Amino acid sequence: EVQLQASGGGLEQPGGSLRISCAASGFAFDDYAIGWFRQAPGKEREGVSCISSSGGRSYYANSVKGRFTISRDNAKSTVYLQMNSLKPEDTAVYYCARVGLRSRFYTNFSHQLYDYWGQGTQVTVSS
């Protein structure tokens, strides 16, 4: 069974940093790109970042570019999102998701490209 488990969220002050993780199981992790999405209250889910199966390519939404860094450890079947210079508008539930096609990498966040989603972790940025 394919599973994605996001963790590491919490409360952080503006300007602070958090690292969230996505632990995967039930499939050949190093064959698939993984994406991070977020959903704030009353807003649609939006793409944040994605990383290719090898980790050699990544893509970011303009709103987080230069502040967030995505990485992965294929030996641990885990993807990370390092979030620096956090802003209140980063407050959301963060989800990780698997790209549906093996070895494919996309520079867009169309939800139809992703087939499995984790349960989400809450990130709150507030003073």
N, C-alpha and C. Protein backbone atom coordinates (compact mmCIF):
# COMPACT_ATOMS: atom_id res chain seq x y z
N GLU A 1 0.84 -1.19 0.00
CA GLU A 1 0.00 0.00 0.00
C GLU A 1 0.88 1.26 0.00
N VAL A 2 0.61 2.14 -0.94
CA VAL A 2 1.36 3.39 -1.02
C VAL A 2 0.93 4.30 0.13
N GLN A 3 1.91 4.81 0.86
CA GLN A 3 1.63 5.75 1.94
C GLN A 3 2.62 6.89 1.92
N LEU A 4 2.12 8.08 2.22
CA LEU A 4 2.94 9.28 2.36
C LEU A 4 2.54 9.93 3.69
N GLN A 5 3.53 10.17 4.54
CA GLN A 5 3.27 10.69 5.88
C GLN A 5 4.06 11.98 6.08
N ALA A 6 3.33 13.09 6.11
CA ALA A 6 3.97 14.38 6.34
C ALA A 6 4.07 14.65 7.84
N SER A 7 5.16 15.27 8.26
CA SER A 7 5.35 15.59 9.68
C SER A 7 6.29 16.78 9.83
N GLY A 8 6.38 17.29 11.04
CA GLY A 8 7.33 18.34 11.35
C GLY A 8 6.77 19.74 11.38
N GLY A 9 5.49 19.89 11.14
CA GLY A 9 4.89 21.21 11.19
C GLY A 9 4.82 21.74 12.62
N GLY A 10 4.42 22.98 12.74
CA GLY A 10 4.31 23.58 14.06
C GLY A 10 4.10 25.07 13.97
N LEU A 11 4.32 25.73 15.09
CA LEU A 11 4.16 27.17 15.18
C LEU A 11 5.54 27.83 15.14
N GLU A 12 5.69 28.80 14.28
CA GLU A 12 6.97 29.50 14.15
C GLU A 12 6.69 30.99 13.98
N GLN A 13 7.62 31.81 14.44
CA GLN A 13 7.48 33.25 14.31
C GLN A 13 7.87 33.69 12.91
N PRO A 14 7.34 34.82 12.46
CA PRO A 14 7.78 35.37 11.17
C PRO A 14 9.29 35.54 11.14
N GLY A 15 9.89 35.16 10.02
CA GLY A 15 11.34 35.21 9.89
C GLY A 15 12.04 33.95 10.33
N GLY A 16 11.32 33.05 10.96
CA GLY A 16 11.89 31.81 11.46
C GLY A 16 11.97 30.73 10.40
N SER A 17 12.38 29.55 10.85
CA SER A 17 12.57 28.41 9.95
C SER A 17 11.91 27.16 10.49
N LEU A 18 11.49 26.31 9.57
CA LEU A 18 10.96 25.00 9.90
C LEU A 18 11.38 24.03 8.81
N ARG A 19 11.53 22.78 9.19
CA ARG A 19 11.75 21.73 8.18
C ARG A 19 10.67 20.69 8.35
N ILE A 20 9.95 20.43 7.29
CA ILE A 20 8.94 19.39 7.31
C ILE A 20 9.41 18.22 6.46
N SER A 21 8.88 17.05 6.79
CA SER A 21 9.31 15.81 6.15
C SER A 21 8.13 15.06 5.58
N CYS A 22 8.43 14.26 4.58
CA CYS A 22 7.43 13.38 3.99
C CYS A 22 8.06 11.99 3.88
N ALA A 23 7.60 11.09 4.72
CA ALA A 23 8.11 9.72 4.70
C ALA A 23 7.21 8.85 3.84
N ALA A 24 7.80 8.12 2.91
CA ALA A 24 7.03 7.32 1.96
C ALA A 24 7.28 5.83 2.18
N SER A 25 6.30 5.04 1.78
CA SER A 25 6.44 3.59 1.85
C SER A 25 5.48 2.95 0.86
N GLY A 26 5.76 1.68 0.55
CA GLY A 26 4.84 0.92 -0.30
C GLY A 26 5.09 1.03 -1.79
N PHE A 27 6.18 1.69 -2.18
CA PHE A 27 6.51 1.78 -3.61
C PHE A 27 8.00 2.06 -3.76
N ALA A 28 8.49 1.95 -4.99
CA ALA A 28 9.91 2.20 -5.27
C ALA A 28 10.16 3.70 -5.25
N PHE A 29 10.49 4.20 -4.08
CA PHE A 29 10.57 5.64 -3.84
C PHE A 29 11.48 6.35 -4.83
N ASP A 30 12.62 5.77 -5.15
CA ASP A 30 13.57 6.47 -6.00
C ASP A 30 13.20 6.46 -7.48
N ASP A 31 12.02 5.96 -7.79
CA ASP A 31 11.51 6.02 -9.17
C ASP A 31 10.53 7.16 -9.40
N TYR A 32 10.17 7.88 -8.34
CA TYR A 32 9.08 8.84 -8.46
C TYR A 32 9.45 10.23 -7.95
N ALA A 33 9.01 11.24 -8.72
CA ALA A 33 9.09 12.61 -8.24
C ALA A 33 8.03 12.83 -7.15
N ILE A 34 8.34 13.75 -6.26
CA ILE A 34 7.44 14.08 -5.15
C ILE A 34 7.23 15.59 -5.11
N GLY A 35 6.02 15.99 -4.81
CA GLY A 35 5.70 17.41 -4.70
C GLY A 35 5.17 17.77 -3.33
N TRP A 36 5.34 19.04 -2.98
CA TRP A 36 4.73 19.62 -1.79
C TRP A 36 3.66 20.62 -2.22
N PHE A 37 2.53 20.56 -1.54
CA PHE A 37 1.42 21.48 -1.76
C PHE A 37 1.01 22.07 -0.42
N ARG A 38 0.24 23.12 -0.46
CA ARG A 38 -0.29 23.68 0.78
C ARG A 38 -1.68 24.23 0.55
N GLN A 39 -2.45 24.25 1.64
CA GLN A 39 -3.80 24.79 1.57
C GLN A 39 -4.07 25.61 2.81
N ALA A 40 -4.33 26.89 2.58
CA ALA A 40 -4.68 27.80 3.67
C ALA A 40 -6.19 27.83 3.82
N PRO A 41 -6.69 28.21 4.99
CA PRO A 41 -8.14 28.25 5.20
C PRO A 41 -8.83 29.12 4.16
N GLY A 42 -9.86 28.58 3.53
CA GLY A 42 -10.63 29.34 2.57
C GLY A 42 -9.99 29.49 1.21
N LYS A 43 -8.85 28.84 1.01
CA LYS A 43 -8.15 28.95 -0.28
C LYS A 43 -7.98 27.58 -0.92
N GLU A 44 -7.72 27.60 -2.20
CA GLU A 44 -7.48 26.35 -2.92
C GLU A 44 -6.08 25.81 -2.61
N ARG A 45 -5.93 24.51 -2.76
CA ARG A 45 -4.62 23.90 -2.57
C ARG A 45 -3.69 24.36 -3.71
N GLU A 46 -2.49 24.76 -3.34
CA GLU A 46 -1.54 25.27 -4.33
C GLU A 46 -0.22 24.53 -4.25
N GLY A 47 0.45 24.43 -5.38
CA GLY A 47 1.76 23.78 -5.40
C GLY A 47 2.82 24.67 -4.81
N VAL A 48 3.76 24.06 -4.10
CA VAL A 48 4.85 24.78 -3.45
C VAL A 48 6.19 24.43 -4.10
N SER A 49 6.46 23.14 -4.22
CA SER A 49 7.74 22.70 -4.76
C SER A 49 7.63 21.25 -5.17
N CYS A 50 8.52 20.84 -6.07
CA CYS A 50 8.59 19.43 -6.42
C CYS A 50 10.03 19.06 -6.73
N ILE A 51 10.32 17.78 -6.61
CA ILE A 51 11.69 17.30 -6.81
C ILE A 51 11.65 16.02 -7.63
N SER A 52 12.61 15.88 -8.53
CA SER A 52 12.66 14.70 -9.39
C SER A 52 13.05 13.46 -8.60
N SER A 53 12.92 12.33 -9.23
CA SER A 53 13.17 11.05 -8.55
C SER A 53 14.60 10.93 -8.03
N SER A 54 15.54 11.47 -8.77
CA SER A 54 16.94 11.39 -8.35
C SER A 54 17.33 12.53 -7.41
N GLY A 55 16.50 13.55 -7.38
CA GLY A 55 16.82 14.75 -6.60
C GLY A 55 17.60 15.78 -7.38
N GLY A 56 17.89 15.49 -8.64
CA GLY A 56 18.72 16.39 -9.43
C GLY A 56 18.00 17.62 -9.96
N ARG A 57 16.69 17.56 -10.00
CA ARG A 57 15.91 18.71 -10.47
C ARG A 57 14.85 19.09 -9.44
N SER A 58 14.60 20.37 -9.35
CA SER A 58 13.56 20.86 -8.45
C SER A 58 12.88 22.07 -9.08
N TYR A 59 11.73 22.37 -8.54
CA TYR A 59 10.92 23.46 -9.08
C TYR A 59 10.17 24.09 -7.93
N TYR A 60 10.03 25.42 -7.97
CA TYR A 60 9.40 26.14 -6.86
C TYR A 60 8.34 27.11 -7.37
N ALA A 61 7.33 27.29 -6.57
CA ALA A 61 6.38 28.36 -6.82
C ALA A 61 7.08 29.70 -6.58
N ASN A 62 6.67 30.71 -7.30
CA ASN A 62 7.31 32.02 -7.16
C ASN A 62 7.22 32.55 -5.73
N SER A 63 6.15 32.20 -5.05
CA SER A 63 5.91 32.72 -3.71
C SER A 63 6.92 32.20 -2.68
N VAL A 64 7.60 31.11 -2.97
CA VAL A 64 8.54 30.53 -2.01
C VAL A 64 9.97 30.48 -2.53
N LYS A 65 10.17 30.84 -3.77
CA LYS A 65 11.48 30.75 -4.39
C LYS A 65 12.49 31.60 -3.61
N GLY A 66 13.63 31.01 -3.32
CA GLY A 66 14.66 31.72 -2.57
C GLY A 66 14.52 31.59 -1.07
N ARG A 67 13.38 31.09 -0.60
CA ARG A 67 13.16 30.91 0.85
C ARG A 67 13.05 29.43 1.22
N PHE A 68 12.46 28.63 0.34
CA PHE A 68 12.25 27.21 0.62
C PHE A 68 13.22 26.38 -0.21
N THR A 69 13.62 25.25 0.35
CA THR A 69 14.50 24.31 -0.36
C THR A 69 13.96 22.90 -0.19
N ILE A 70 13.74 22.23 -1.31
CA ILE A 70 13.29 20.85 -1.28
C ILE A 70 14.49 19.94 -1.48
N SER A 71 14.47 18.79 -0.80
CA SER A 71 15.53 17.81 -0.94
C SER A 71 14.94 16.43 -0.66
N ARG A 72 15.73 15.41 -0.96
CA ARG A 72 15.26 14.06 -0.67
C ARG A 72 16.43 13.16 -0.32
N ASP A 73 16.11 12.16 0.48
CA ASP A 73 17.07 11.12 0.85
C ASP A 73 16.45 9.80 0.42
N ASN A 74 16.87 9.28 -0.71
CA ASN A 74 16.25 8.07 -1.24
C ASN A 74 16.54 6.84 -0.38
N ALA A 75 17.65 6.86 0.35
CA ALA A 75 17.95 5.75 1.26
C ALA A 75 16.95 5.69 2.41
N LYS A 76 16.38 6.84 2.75
CA LYS A 76 15.40 6.90 3.84
C LYS A 76 13.97 7.06 3.32
N SER A 77 13.80 7.07 2.00
CA SER A 77 12.46 7.25 1.40
C SER A 77 11.75 8.48 1.97
N THR A 78 12.48 9.57 2.04
CA THR A 78 11.95 10.78 2.66
C THR A 78 12.28 12.01 1.83
N VAL A 79 11.32 12.89 1.73
CA VAL A 79 11.51 14.20 1.10
C VAL A 79 11.36 15.26 2.18
N TYR A 80 12.19 16.28 2.08
CA TYR A 80 12.18 17.37 3.06
C TYR A 80 11.83 18.69 2.39
N LEU A 81 11.27 19.59 3.17
CA LEU A 81 11.07 20.96 2.73
C LEU A 81 11.60 21.87 3.82
N GLN A 82 12.72 22.49 3.55
CA GLN A 82 13.32 23.45 4.47
C GLN A 82 12.71 24.82 4.18
N MET A 83 12.07 25.40 5.17
CA MET A 83 11.37 26.67 4.98
C MET A 83 12.04 27.73 5.83
N ASN A 84 12.63 28.71 5.19
CA ASN A 84 13.30 29.81 5.87
C ASN A 84 12.56 31.12 5.63
N SER A 85 12.89 32.12 6.41
CA SER A 85 12.27 33.45 6.28
C SER A 85 10.76 33.33 6.18
N LEU A 86 10.19 32.59 7.08
CA LEU A 86 8.76 32.33 7.04
C LEU A 86 7.94 33.60 7.20
N LYS A 87 6.82 33.62 6.50
CA LYS A 87 5.90 34.74 6.53
C LYS A 87 4.53 34.25 7.01
N PRO A 88 3.72 35.13 7.56
CA PRO A 88 2.37 34.71 7.98
C PRO A 88 1.58 34.07 6.83
N GLU A 89 1.80 34.52 5.62
CA GLU A 89 1.07 33.96 4.48
C GLU A 89 1.52 32.55 4.12
N ASP A 90 2.56 32.04 4.78
CA ASP A 90 2.95 30.64 4.59
C ASP A 90 2.11 29.70 5.46
N THR A 91 1.29 30.27 6.32
CA THR A 91 0.44 29.46 7.18
C THR A 91 -0.53 28.62 6.35
N ALA A 92 -0.49 27.32 6.56
CA ALA A 92 -1.32 26.40 5.77
C ALA A 92 -1.09 24.97 6.26
N VAL A 93 -1.92 24.08 5.78
CA VAL A 93 -1.64 22.66 5.92
C VAL A 93 -0.81 22.25 4.70
N TYR A 94 0.32 21.62 4.95
CA TYR A 94 1.23 21.21 3.90
C TYR A 94 1.08 19.72 3.62
N TYR A 95 0.94 19.39 2.34
CA TYR A 95 0.76 18.01 1.90
C TYR A 95 1.88 17.61 0.95
N CYS A 96 2.28 16.36 1.02
CA CYS A 96 3.17 15.84 0.00
C CYS A 96 2.37 14.87 -0.88
N ALA A 97 2.83 14.74 -2.11
CA ALA A 97 2.12 13.91 -3.07
C ALA A 97 3.11 13.29 -4.06
N ARG A 98 2.73 12.16 -4.60
CA ARG A 98 3.58 11.44 -5.55
C ARG A 98 3.12 11.70 -6.98
N VAL A 99 4.07 11.99 -7.86
CA VAL A 99 3.74 12.10 -9.28
C VAL A 99 3.29 10.73 -9.77
N GLY A 100 2.24 10.72 -10.59
CA GLY A 100 1.62 9.46 -10.97
C GLY A 100 2.43 8.58 -11.90
N LEU A 101 3.32 9.17 -12.68
CA LEU A 101 4.08 8.40 -13.66
C LEU A 101 5.53 8.24 -13.22
N ARG A 102 6.01 7.03 -13.28
CA ARG A 102 7.38 6.72 -12.87
C ARG A 102 8.38 7.52 -13.71
N SER A 103 9.35 8.09 -13.03
CA SER A 103 10.48 8.80 -13.64
C SER A 103 10.12 10.11 -14.32
N ARG A 104 8.87 10.53 -14.22
CA ARG A 104 8.49 11.80 -14.83
C ARG A 104 8.66 12.94 -13.83
N PHE A 105 9.00 14.12 -14.38
CA PHE A 105 9.15 15.33 -13.57
C PHE A 105 8.46 16.46 -14.30
N TYR A 106 7.67 17.24 -13.58
CA TYR A 106 6.89 18.29 -14.21
C TYR A 106 7.19 19.63 -13.55
N THR A 107 7.20 20.66 -14.34
CA THR A 107 7.38 22.01 -13.80
C THR A 107 6.04 22.72 -13.76
N ASN A 108 5.04 21.98 -13.36
CA ASN A 108 3.76 22.60 -13.03
C ASN A 108 3.11 21.75 -11.96
N PHE A 109 2.12 22.32 -11.30
CA PHE A 109 1.54 21.69 -10.12
C PHE A 109 0.09 21.23 -10.37
N SER A 110 -0.20 20.85 -11.58
CA SER A 110 -1.55 20.34 -11.85
C SER A 110 -1.82 19.12 -10.99
N HIS A 111 -2.92 19.17 -10.26
CA HIS A 111 -3.22 18.09 -9.31
C HIS A 111 -3.41 16.75 -10.01
N GLN A 112 -3.84 16.78 -11.25
CA GLN A 112 -4.08 15.52 -11.97
C GLN A 112 -2.80 14.73 -12.21
N LEU A 113 -1.65 15.37 -12.06
CA LEU A 113 -0.37 14.70 -12.29
C LEU A 113 0.05 13.85 -11.09
N TYR A 114 -0.64 14.05 -9.95
CA TYR A 114 -0.25 13.39 -8.71
C TYR A 114 -1.31 12.35 -8.32
N ASP A 115 -0.85 11.17 -7.89
CA ASP A 115 -1.84 10.11 -7.65
C ASP A 115 -2.03 9.74 -6.18
N TYR A 116 -1.04 9.93 -5.34
CA TYR A 116 -1.19 9.63 -3.92
C TYR A 116 -0.79 10.86 -3.11
N TRP A 117 -1.58 11.11 -2.04
CA TRP A 117 -1.39 12.28 -1.20
C TRP A 117 -1.25 11.86 0.25
N GLY A 118 -0.39 12.59 0.97
CA GLY A 118 -0.29 12.37 2.40
C GLY A 118 -1.39 13.11 3.14
N GLN A 119 -1.39 12.99 4.45
CA GLN A 119 -2.48 13.53 5.26
C GLN A 119 -2.29 14.99 5.65
N GLY A 120 -1.12 15.54 5.49
CA GLY A 120 -0.89 16.94 5.78
C GLY A 120 -0.32 17.22 7.15
N THR A 121 0.44 18.31 7.25
CA THR A 121 0.97 18.77 8.52
C THR A 121 0.76 20.28 8.60
N GLN A 122 0.31 20.77 9.74
CA GLN A 122 -0.03 22.17 9.90
C GLN A 122 1.22 23.01 10.17
N VAL A 123 1.36 24.07 9.40
CA VAL A 123 2.41 25.07 9.63
C VAL A 123 1.73 26.40 9.91
N THR A 124 2.05 26.98 11.04
CA THR A 124 1.47 28.26 11.43
C THR A 124 2.59 29.25 11.69
N VAL A 125 2.53 30.38 11.01
CA VAL A 125 3.53 31.42 11.18
C VAL A 125 2.84 32.64 11.79
N SER A 126 3.20 32.91 13.02
CA SER A 126 2.52 33.97 13.76
C SER A 126 3.40 34.44 14.91
N SER A 127 3.30 35.72 15.22
CA SER A 127 4.01 36.25 16.38
C SER A 127 3.13 36.21 17.61
